[in-house]
């Protein structure tokens, strides 16, 4: 039997299903006794103690202690004294013993004896912080120019509506010139709604179809329901490398991708899987460093190849379109061709294999094909397509396509070819080229880069044969040198371009370029142009940008752009062939929010109406850049919020009065794409004082007691000797509540009118 802390006898615990063996030898272990043991795992002392029950077949540990050690379950749990225990058997994957002198359990276990840990770094579903408000908006981009005696004015308009059910918009192009009738052309009208759970988007109206591996992207009007992985920023649709390792002791893990650290984490003892590791696409190298508590280090180098053309195993993507092909876009408002339907479905089969099925159907032609994408890590991604078509005009036809794409640090390249019969056709392409071949090869070393490419197209309406060379050299603080040489082997003629650019500082740069164009007609001389320019890039927030350019042949050009709270203004002047051209323009957006109309920059992405509690001329920041200022009512109109991503909206507190109290200088919002939000900063007006607080017995309130002005959420701690600071008070009577450990009292104070002292000391006050 076991002895209690005072020496009295304790009955042995009941063990089910095994009975407790009787004690036969005084020096032998007492089966069924409960022990309180120190713990040493793989030679490393662990904090705390562990309770265990000594049995004939091993040592029984309570289930919570077993789980805290992270050991794998090797046998069925058993009930001892009404509590689940797990058995540390003598014949398990571990070795253990009890040091009777120090009452220490010494456990030696291999990494496989511990439960594995999976580290997943993939992004979760985006959580939109608040639904979109109803907000009509108008975008405009106006341009006016004059040259000689002619004048022209163009305008691009977009009228839309944001709301909880999606966004509706329609865009239009206006053209007008002296002596001609003005023209109005509708560009696109559509309504979109996102489904973030399915990562899909529904579009009704004008849209662009997805062409898949061998089809063509078409402008059309109708319905589209398609997968859109961008609705979950950070979601990676292609397979990523998974790292596996193990450690017998708690360790630290450092992961380097192409010598850049990507992850640092703590690991418990046991095996681990590292999934969804973000890496650079293409070929690279991962170095994993595991360092345990004893300083022992394991370094594993793993090569990888990641192809964005593949899908994860089991992941699918689709696109369904039903409508009519758009024709003469930008020239005619409502010209549509015959109706069609198309469907594309992609599926990841394995880590290295994906497939795609696509079909196109219209009254005059039917097309269907399949594509396989296969990753060979040593070389790159191979693709192969087989397509059959049938049309009224050309009968039946087929197309075969294949290719190889490689992206790596040593060299990159691609090889693509297609071969089609004369009768092959597809949507948007009445006559396809009989054969095409394109090849590209690139190599970078040090500060230099070289690229070669070849394109050949035979048959069809536009035969071509082009060869191109690109070379770039980083000159360090002296800038960058680029060379482009193009040879047209089908029509003859060569183009050569030499350029040099140098950054003067963060926003200013200068450069020169020399271009040689082939003659425009037989017998004419080649066109040789030398160009020099200097420019200042506009700031992300408010600021001025400009560009000055001079070219051989007498062409000079100067333009400037100003970006402010209300939009963007631009203007320029050009001189060429004895004529002067003047340009001017304005771009911005208007939105109706919370009963008022606000003007600002173009409505791109999400918009927000920021309320700063009635304080005017306060700078509002988006990702630490000033993008707007509050108006007379303390409101500012902010555009350009990123959909389904965290956006940091802040204010410059130095522009607020000294008696203004802020609970937060920055608020993070996650809007839906193209939506409208209302963001309010909790700004409170009040005075600040210092004081010393005692209780009814005259003793200072204990430190860390919280003081709170009635009607305010902010609390202030009491310091030593009852000293405290309060803010948010008003002239006249105020009530302050005090709460602490067993303390609940109230301070009534009357604040005199403000004087020259910004922080008056009220002296000693009693909390009753």
Foldseek 3Di string as FASTA:
>chain_A
DDADPVGDDDDFWAWPPDGFDCDDDPPDDRARDKAWAFEAEQNRGDPDIFIWGHHPFAIKGFPVVCVVQQFDQDDDWTAINNTTTGGPGCPDQKHWDAPVVRRHIYIYHAQARGHAAEAEDFFDQFDFPDAFDKKKKKWKWKKWKDWDHKIKIKMKMKTKIFGRQFIWIWIWIWIDMPPDDIDIATFWTWTKDADRVQQKMKIAFWDWFDQPPPGDIFTFHGIKIWHHNVLAPRHQFAADDKDKDFASAWWWKWKDKQNHTQDIDIDGGHMYIYGPRDYDAFKTKMWMWIAHPVRDIDIDIDIFHIDSVAGAAFDKIKMKDWGFTDPPRPHHHDDTHFIKIKMKMKHHHHNFKIKMWIWIDTPFKIKIKMKMWGADNVFFIKMKMKMWMAGPPQGIKIKIKMKGWGDDQAKTKMKIKMAMDQSDDDPPGRGDFRMKIKMKMKGDDDQKIKMKMWIATHHDDDTWTKIKIKIKGQPDQQFIKIWIKMATPPPGWIKIKIKTKHAPDPFKIWMKMWIWGGDPDPPDDIDIKIKIKIWGHADPAWDKIKMWMDMPQGKTKIKMKTFHFQEIKIWMWIDHPRMIMIMIMTIWMWMQDPHDIDGGYGAAWEKEKEAEQQQFQWFKDKPNGGHWTAHRRRIGIGHDDHASDWIKIFIDCVSPDPQKDFPDRIDIGHYHTHRYYYHYTDIAGWAKEKEAEDEPVRFGDDWQWWKDWPPDDDIWTQHPNRITMDGRHDAAWTKIWTDDDVDTFIWIDHHHDDDPDRYYYPYYTYTD
